[in-house]
Amino acid sequence: MGAMALACLSATAAAQTTYPKIVAPSTIVPPSGVAFTDVDGSTKVASPATPLPVAGRQESVALVTANTAIAPVTLYGGTYILTQVCTGYGSVALRYRSPDGTMLILATKVVGDTGGGTVFQFGTSQVVDVLLTGTTGCTVTLSRIP
């Protein structure tokens, strides 16, 4: 009985052949795929022609332009550098939204930055803004370090 099973097994193995790989024609869209947002804001499907981006996300947010603070912004999250310059200083307060919805002061600047700015860590989707008091000609920017 055992010899008969071995004979059948070896006959089946010898009869197996290899077939060519099945490849979908280029006009067919795959039923699923990995999509991502490209640097230009468009949605792309990952492929050899449009591979997934490997660089860290870059983000630069102008919080104050021409001494006018903008509305609170939502950050991607990570390490950021705050740079600020004013022609006349009072105070520049960087604020973040707390869990209860109030804006809390994280840091206050009363002089210009030296050494390239101040480094901050923010969680994913953190909301921030700037409160100006007695300043003139201010520009404040948060730039994410990829």
N, C-alpha and C. Protein backbone atom coordinates (compact mmCIF):
# COMPACT_ATOMS: atom_id res chain seq x y z
N MET A 1 0.82 -1.19 0.00
CA MET A 1 0.00 0.00 0.00
C MET A 1 0.87 1.26 0.00
N GLY A 2 1.92 1.24 0.85
CA GLY A 2 2.81 2.40 0.93
C GLY A 2 3.55 2.62 -0.37
N ALA A 3 3.94 1.53 -1.05
CA ALA A 3 4.66 1.66 -2.31
C ALA A 3 3.76 2.24 -3.38
N MET A 4 2.48 1.89 -3.33
CA MET A 4 1.53 2.41 -4.31
C MET A 4 1.32 3.92 -4.12
N ALA A 5 1.26 4.37 -2.88
CA ALA A 5 1.09 5.80 -2.60
C ALA A 5 2.31 6.58 -3.07
N LEU A 6 3.50 6.03 -2.84
CA LEU A 6 4.72 6.70 -3.30
C LEU A 6 4.76 6.76 -4.81
N ALA A 7 4.30 5.74 -5.49
CA ALA A 7 4.28 5.73 -6.94
C ALA A 7 3.33 6.80 -7.48
N CYS A 8 2.18 6.95 -6.86
CA CYS A 8 1.21 7.97 -7.28
C CYS A 8 1.76 9.37 -7.02
N LEU A 9 2.40 9.54 -5.89
CA LEU A 9 2.95 10.84 -5.53
C LEU A 9 4.04 11.26 -6.50
N SER A 10 4.94 10.35 -6.85
CA SER A 10 6.03 10.71 -7.76
C SER A 10 5.49 10.95 -9.16
N ALA A 11 4.45 10.24 -9.58
CA ALA A 11 3.86 10.46 -10.90
C ALA A 11 3.19 11.83 -10.96
N THR A 12 2.55 12.25 -9.87
CA THR A 12 1.91 13.56 -9.83
C THR A 12 2.95 14.67 -9.88
N ALA A 13 4.04 14.50 -9.15
CA ALA A 13 5.09 15.51 -9.12
C ALA A 13 5.74 15.65 -10.49
N ALA A 14 5.93 14.54 -11.19
CA ALA A 14 6.56 14.59 -12.51
C ALA A 14 5.64 15.25 -13.52
N ALA A 15 4.33 15.16 -13.32
CA ALA A 15 3.37 15.72 -14.27
C ALA A 15 3.18 17.22 -14.09
N GLN A 16 3.66 17.79 -12.98
CA GLN A 16 3.47 19.22 -12.75
C GLN A 16 4.36 20.02 -13.69
N THR A 17 3.81 21.09 -14.23
CA THR A 17 4.57 21.98 -15.09
C THR A 17 4.47 23.39 -14.53
N THR A 18 5.35 24.26 -14.96
CA THR A 18 5.29 25.66 -14.53
C THR A 18 4.58 26.46 -15.60
N TYR A 19 3.77 27.36 -15.16
CA TYR A 19 3.00 28.21 -16.06
C TYR A 19 3.52 29.64 -15.98
N PRO A 20 3.31 30.43 -17.02
CA PRO A 20 3.77 31.82 -16.98
C PRO A 20 3.01 32.61 -15.90
N LYS A 21 3.67 33.62 -15.40
CA LYS A 21 3.09 34.47 -14.37
C LYS A 21 1.90 35.24 -14.95
N ILE A 22 0.83 35.34 -14.19
CA ILE A 22 -0.35 36.07 -14.65
C ILE A 22 -0.16 37.55 -14.32
N VAL A 23 -0.24 38.40 -15.34
CA VAL A 23 -0.05 39.83 -15.17
C VAL A 23 -1.26 40.54 -15.76
N ALA A 24 -1.80 41.50 -15.04
CA ALA A 24 -2.95 42.25 -15.53
C ALA A 24 -2.52 43.20 -16.64
N PRO A 25 -3.35 43.36 -17.67
CA PRO A 25 -3.03 44.35 -18.71
C PRO A 25 -2.97 45.75 -18.11
N SER A 26 -2.24 46.63 -18.77
CA SER A 26 -2.02 47.97 -18.21
C SER A 26 -3.30 48.81 -18.16
N THR A 27 -4.34 48.42 -18.89
CA THR A 27 -5.57 49.20 -18.87
C THR A 27 -6.50 48.83 -17.73
N ILE A 28 -6.15 47.79 -16.98
CA ILE A 28 -7.00 47.36 -15.87
C ILE A 28 -6.52 48.00 -14.58
N VAL A 29 -7.45 48.55 -13.85
CA VAL A 29 -7.14 49.14 -12.55
C VAL A 29 -7.21 48.05 -11.50
N PRO A 30 -6.19 47.94 -10.65
CA PRO A 30 -6.24 46.90 -9.63
C PRO A 30 -7.40 47.15 -8.67
N PRO A 31 -8.00 46.07 -8.12
CA PRO A 31 -9.14 46.24 -7.23
C PRO A 31 -8.79 46.93 -5.92
N SER A 32 -7.52 46.94 -5.55
CA SER A 32 -7.10 47.66 -4.34
C SER A 32 -5.68 48.13 -4.53
N GLY A 33 -5.29 49.13 -3.76
CA GLY A 33 -3.94 49.66 -3.85
C GLY A 33 -3.69 50.64 -2.73
N VAL A 34 -2.44 51.03 -2.58
CA VAL A 34 -2.06 51.99 -1.56
C VAL A 34 -2.09 53.38 -2.18
N ALA A 35 -2.86 54.28 -1.58
CA ALA A 35 -2.95 55.65 -2.07
C ALA A 35 -2.26 56.58 -1.07
N PHE A 36 -1.70 57.69 -1.59
CA PHE A 36 -1.05 58.67 -0.74
C PHE A 36 -1.23 60.05 -1.33
N THR A 37 -1.04 61.07 -0.51
CA THR A 37 -1.12 62.46 -0.96
C THR A 37 0.27 62.90 -1.37
N ASP A 38 0.41 63.33 -2.62
CA ASP A 38 1.70 63.76 -3.14
C ASP A 38 1.99 65.19 -2.67
N VAL A 39 3.22 65.66 -2.92
CA VAL A 39 3.62 67.00 -2.46
C VAL A 39 2.78 68.10 -3.08
N ASP A 40 2.19 67.85 -4.26
CA ASP A 40 1.34 68.86 -4.89
C ASP A 40 -0.10 68.81 -4.39
N GLY A 41 -0.39 67.90 -3.43
CA GLY A 41 -1.72 67.81 -2.85
C GLY A 41 -2.64 66.82 -3.56
N SER A 42 -2.20 66.27 -4.69
CA SER A 42 -3.03 65.31 -5.42
C SER A 42 -2.88 63.92 -4.82
N THR A 43 -3.91 63.09 -5.02
CA THR A 43 -3.88 61.71 -4.53
C THR A 43 -3.31 60.82 -5.61
N LYS A 44 -2.36 59.98 -5.23
CA LYS A 44 -1.70 59.07 -6.18
C LYS A 44 -1.81 57.65 -5.64
N VAL A 45 -1.83 56.69 -6.56
CA VAL A 45 -1.77 55.27 -6.19
C VAL A 45 -0.32 54.84 -6.33
N ALA A 46 0.20 54.18 -5.30
CA ALA A 46 1.60 53.74 -5.33
C ALA A 46 1.81 52.75 -6.46
N SER A 47 2.86 52.98 -7.24
CA SER A 47 3.22 52.12 -8.36
C SER A 47 4.70 52.33 -8.64
N PRO A 48 5.28 51.56 -9.55
CA PRO A 48 6.69 51.83 -9.88
C PRO A 48 6.90 53.24 -10.43
N ALA A 49 5.90 53.79 -11.12
CA ALA A 49 6.02 55.15 -11.66
C ALA A 49 5.83 56.22 -10.60
N THR A 50 5.03 55.93 -9.57
CA THR A 50 4.79 56.88 -8.46
C THR A 50 4.98 56.15 -7.14
N PRO A 51 6.24 55.95 -6.72
CA PRO A 51 6.48 55.22 -5.47
C PRO A 51 6.07 56.04 -4.26
N LEU A 52 5.90 55.35 -3.14
CA LEU A 52 5.57 56.04 -1.89
C LEU A 52 6.70 57.00 -1.52
N PRO A 53 6.37 58.19 -1.03
CA PRO A 53 7.42 59.12 -0.61
C PRO A 53 8.13 58.59 0.63
N VAL A 54 9.44 58.78 0.68
CA VAL A 54 10.20 58.28 1.82
C VAL A 54 10.74 59.41 2.69
N ALA A 55 10.71 60.63 2.21
CA ALA A 55 11.19 61.76 3.01
C ALA A 55 10.15 62.12 4.04
N GLY A 56 10.59 62.69 5.14
CA GLY A 56 9.66 63.15 6.16
C GLY A 56 8.80 64.28 5.65
N ARG A 57 7.64 64.41 6.22
CA ARG A 57 6.72 65.46 5.80
C ARG A 57 7.29 66.83 6.16
N GLN A 58 7.27 67.73 5.20
CA GLN A 58 7.74 69.09 5.44
C GLN A 58 6.53 69.99 5.60
N GLU A 59 6.64 70.92 6.51
CA GLU A 59 5.53 71.83 6.77
C GLU A 59 6.09 73.14 7.29
N SER A 60 5.63 74.23 6.73
CA SER A 60 6.00 75.55 7.21
C SER A 60 4.73 76.37 7.32
N VAL A 61 4.48 76.90 8.51
CA VAL A 61 3.24 77.61 8.77
C VAL A 61 3.56 79.03 9.19
N ALA A 62 3.02 80.00 8.45
CA ALA A 62 3.16 81.41 8.84
C ALA A 62 2.06 81.72 9.85
N LEU A 63 2.43 81.97 11.09
CA LEU A 63 1.45 82.27 12.14
C LEU A 63 1.14 83.76 12.22
N VAL A 64 2.12 84.58 11.82
CA VAL A 64 1.95 86.04 11.81
C VAL A 64 2.62 86.57 10.56
N THR A 65 1.91 87.43 9.82
CA THR A 65 2.47 88.10 8.66
C THR A 65 2.11 89.57 8.75
N ALA A 66 3.11 90.45 8.58
CA ALA A 66 2.89 91.90 8.62
C ALA A 66 2.16 92.32 9.90
N ASN A 67 2.59 91.74 11.02
CA ASN A 67 2.06 92.05 12.35
C ASN A 67 0.58 91.68 12.50
N THR A 68 0.10 90.76 11.68
CA THR A 68 -1.28 90.29 11.77
C THR A 68 -1.28 88.78 12.01
N ALA A 69 -1.81 88.37 13.16
CA ALA A 69 -1.87 86.94 13.48
C ALA A 69 -2.99 86.29 12.67
N ILE A 70 -2.73 85.07 12.20
CA ILE A 70 -3.75 84.34 11.47
C ILE A 70 -4.55 83.48 12.44
N ALA A 71 -5.59 82.84 11.94
CA ALA A 71 -6.42 81.96 12.77
C ALA A 71 -5.59 80.76 13.23
N PRO A 72 -6.01 80.09 14.30
CA PRO A 72 -5.28 78.91 14.77
C PRO A 72 -5.14 77.87 13.65
N VAL A 73 -3.98 77.19 13.63
CA VAL A 73 -3.71 76.19 12.61
C VAL A 73 -3.48 74.82 13.26
N THR A 74 -3.78 73.77 12.51
CA THR A 74 -3.56 72.40 12.98
C THR A 74 -2.26 71.89 12.37
N LEU A 75 -1.35 71.44 13.23
CA LEU A 75 -0.04 70.97 12.79
C LEU A 75 -0.06 69.47 12.51
N TYR A 76 0.84 69.03 11.67
CA TYR A 76 1.02 67.61 11.39
C TYR A 76 1.54 66.89 12.62
N GLY A 77 2.43 67.54 13.35
CA GLY A 77 3.03 66.96 14.56
C GLY A 77 4.50 66.64 14.34
N GLY A 78 5.27 66.67 15.42
CA GLY A 78 6.70 66.39 15.34
C GLY A 78 7.51 67.53 15.92
N THR A 79 8.73 67.69 15.43
CA THR A 79 9.65 68.72 15.90
C THR A 79 9.56 69.94 14.98
N TYR A 80 9.39 71.10 15.58
CA TYR A 80 9.24 72.35 14.84
C TYR A 80 10.23 73.38 15.36
N ILE A 81 10.60 74.33 14.48
CA ILE A 81 11.41 75.47 14.88
C ILE A 81 10.56 76.72 14.73
N LEU A 82 10.45 77.49 15.81
CA LEU A 82 9.72 78.76 15.80
C LEU A 82 10.74 79.86 15.52
N THR A 83 10.49 80.61 14.46
CA THR A 83 11.32 81.78 14.16
C THR A 83 10.42 82.99 14.15
N GLN A 84 10.90 84.06 14.75
CA GLN A 84 10.11 85.28 14.80
C GLN A 84 11.04 86.48 14.76
N VAL A 85 10.57 87.52 14.08
CA VAL A 85 11.31 88.77 14.02
C VAL A 85 10.29 89.91 13.97
N CYS A 86 10.57 90.96 14.72
CA CYS A 86 9.69 92.13 14.76
C CYS A 86 10.56 93.38 14.67
N THR A 87 10.00 94.45 14.12
CA THR A 87 10.73 95.72 14.13
C THR A 87 10.61 96.40 15.48
N GLY A 88 9.51 96.15 16.20
CA GLY A 88 9.32 96.67 17.56
C GLY A 88 8.70 95.59 18.42
N TYR A 89 9.31 95.33 19.59
CA TYR A 89 8.86 94.23 20.44
C TYR A 89 8.01 94.70 21.59
N GLY A 90 6.97 93.94 21.83
CA GLY A 90 6.20 93.90 23.05
C GLY A 90 6.37 92.46 23.48
N SER A 91 5.39 91.61 23.10
CA SER A 91 5.57 90.17 23.32
C SER A 91 4.89 89.37 22.22
N VAL A 92 5.50 88.23 21.92
CA VAL A 92 4.99 87.27 20.95
C VAL A 92 4.76 85.98 21.74
N ALA A 93 3.49 85.59 21.92
CA ALA A 93 3.16 84.41 22.71
C ALA A 93 2.67 83.29 21.80
N LEU A 94 3.38 82.16 21.82
CA LEU A 94 2.96 80.96 21.10
C LEU A 94 2.00 80.20 22.00
N ARG A 95 0.80 79.90 21.48
CA ARG A 95 -0.21 79.22 22.28
C ARG A 95 -0.63 77.91 21.63
N TYR A 96 -1.10 76.98 22.45
CA TYR A 96 -1.62 75.72 21.96
C TYR A 96 -3.00 75.47 22.57
N ARG A 97 -3.81 74.67 21.86
CA ARG A 97 -5.16 74.37 22.35
C ARG A 97 -5.09 73.20 23.32
N SER A 98 -5.61 73.42 24.53
CA SER A 98 -5.64 72.36 25.55
C SER A 98 -6.83 71.44 25.29
N PRO A 99 -6.89 70.30 25.99
CA PRO A 99 -8.02 69.38 25.79
C PRO A 99 -9.39 70.00 26.05
N ASP A 100 -9.45 71.02 26.93
CA ASP A 100 -10.75 71.64 27.20
C ASP A 100 -11.09 72.75 26.20
N GLY A 101 -10.21 72.97 25.19
CA GLY A 101 -10.50 73.94 24.14
C GLY A 101 -9.93 75.33 24.35
N THR A 102 -9.36 75.62 25.51
CA THR A 102 -8.78 76.94 25.74
C THR A 102 -7.37 77.00 25.15
N MET A 103 -6.97 78.18 24.73
CA MET A 103 -5.62 78.38 24.20
C MET A 103 -4.70 78.76 25.36
N LEU A 104 -3.66 77.96 25.57
CA LEU A 104 -2.71 78.16 26.66
C LEU A 104 -1.36 78.60 26.11
N ILE A 105 -0.69 79.52 26.81
CA ILE A 105 0.61 80.02 26.36
C ILE A 105 1.68 78.96 26.60
N LEU A 106 2.42 78.65 25.55
CA LEU A 106 3.52 77.69 25.63
C LEU A 106 4.85 78.42 25.82
N ALA A 107 5.03 79.54 25.12
CA ALA A 107 6.27 80.32 25.22
C ALA A 107 5.98 81.76 24.85
N THR A 108 6.74 82.67 25.46
CA THR A 108 6.62 84.10 25.16
C THR A 108 7.99 84.63 24.77
N LYS A 109 8.05 85.39 23.68
CA LYS A 109 9.30 85.99 23.21
C LYS A 109 9.18 87.51 23.32
N VAL A 110 10.22 88.13 23.84
CA VAL A 110 10.23 89.60 23.96
C VAL A 110 11.42 90.21 23.24
N VAL A 111 12.26 89.37 22.63
CA VAL A 111 13.39 89.83 21.80
C VAL A 111 13.49 88.89 20.59
N GLY A 112 14.25 89.31 19.59
CA GLY A 112 14.42 88.51 18.38
C GLY A 112 15.17 87.22 18.65
N ASP A 113 14.98 86.25 17.76
CA ASP A 113 15.66 84.96 17.88
C ASP A 113 17.13 85.08 17.53
N THR A 114 17.95 84.36 18.26
CA THR A 114 19.36 84.21 17.91
C THR A 114 19.62 82.72 17.78
N GLY A 115 20.48 82.35 16.87
CA GLY A 115 20.81 80.93 16.71
C GLY A 115 19.80 80.14 15.92
N GLY A 116 18.97 80.78 15.12
CA GLY A 116 18.08 80.05 14.22
C GLY A 116 16.70 79.73 14.72
N GLY A 117 16.33 80.14 15.92
CA GLY A 117 14.97 79.90 16.39
C GLY A 117 14.92 79.02 17.61
N THR A 118 13.70 78.68 18.01
CA THR A 118 13.45 77.87 19.21
C THR A 118 12.77 76.57 18.80
N VAL A 119 13.24 75.45 19.34
CA VAL A 119 12.72 74.13 18.97
C VAL A 119 11.58 73.73 19.91
N PHE A 120 10.48 73.23 19.31
CA PHE A 120 9.32 72.74 20.06
C PHE A 120 8.90 71.39 19.52
N GLN A 121 8.31 70.56 20.38
CA GLN A 121 7.72 69.28 20.00
C GLN A 121 6.20 69.42 20.10
N PHE A 122 5.49 68.97 19.05
CA PHE A 122 4.03 69.01 19.06
C PHE A 122 3.48 67.63 18.73
N GLY A 123 2.38 67.29 19.36
CA GLY A 123 1.69 66.04 19.07
C GLY A 123 0.95 66.14 17.75
N THR A 124 0.50 65.02 17.25
CA THR A 124 -0.26 64.97 16.01
C THR A 124 -1.54 65.80 16.13
N SER A 125 -1.80 66.62 15.13
CA SER A 125 -3.01 67.46 15.04
C SER A 125 -3.12 68.49 16.16
N GLN A 126 -1.99 68.95 16.68
CA GLN A 126 -2.01 70.00 17.70
C GLN A 126 -2.41 71.32 17.05
N VAL A 127 -3.27 72.08 17.70
CA VAL A 127 -3.72 73.38 17.20
C VAL A 127 -2.92 74.46 17.92
N VAL A 128 -2.33 75.39 17.13
CA VAL A 128 -1.52 76.47 17.70
C VAL A 128 -1.91 77.81 17.07
N ASP A 129 -1.57 78.89 17.78
CA ASP A 129 -1.68 80.23 17.23
C ASP A 129 -0.70 81.13 17.97
N VAL A 130 -0.67 82.41 17.60
CA VAL A 130 0.20 83.38 18.23
C VAL A 130 -0.63 84.56 18.69
N LEU A 131 -0.32 85.06 19.88
CA LEU A 131 -0.96 86.25 20.43
C LEU A 131 0.10 87.34 20.49
N LEU A 132 -0.15 88.46 19.78
CA LEU A 132 0.78 89.60 19.77
C LEU A 132 0.31 90.67 20.74
N THR A 133 1.25 91.25 21.47
CA THR A 133 0.94 92.35 22.37
C THR A 133 2.00 93.43 22.21
N GLY A 134 1.59 94.61 21.73
CA GLY A 134 2.50 95.75 21.63
C GLY A 134 3.64 95.58 20.65
N THR A 135 3.45 94.82 19.58
CA THR A 135 4.51 94.60 18.60
C THR A 135 4.25 95.39 17.33
N THR A 136 5.31 95.58 16.54
CA THR A 136 5.17 96.17 15.20
C THR A 136 6.02 95.36 14.23
N GLY A 137 5.54 95.25 13.01
CA GLY A 137 6.30 94.60 11.94
C GLY A 137 6.72 93.17 12.21
N CYS A 138 5.87 92.37 12.81
CA CYS A 138 6.23 90.99 13.17
C CYS A 138 5.92 89.99 12.07
N THR A 139 6.80 88.98 12.01
CA THR A 139 6.59 87.79 11.20
C THR A 139 6.97 86.60 12.07
N VAL A 140 6.08 85.61 12.17
CA VAL A 140 6.32 84.43 12.99
C VAL A 140 6.02 83.19 12.14
N THR A 141 6.97 82.24 12.14
CA THR A 141 6.83 81.03 11.34
C THR A 141 7.20 79.80 12.17
N LEU A 142 6.43 78.73 12.00
CA LEU A 142 6.76 77.41 12.56
C LEU A 142 7.12 76.51 11.39
N SER A 143 8.30 75.91 11.44
CA SER A 143 8.75 75.02 10.37
C SER A 143 9.05 73.65 10.94
N ARG A 144 8.46 72.63 10.33
CA ARG A 144 8.66 71.25 10.79
C ARG A 144 10.00 70.73 10.30
N ILE A 145 10.72 70.04 11.19
CA ILE A 145 11.97 69.39 10.83
C ILE A 145 11.61 67.99 10.36
N PRO A 146 11.84 67.68 9.06
CA PRO A 146 11.45 66.36 8.56
C PRO A 146 12.26 65.24 9.18
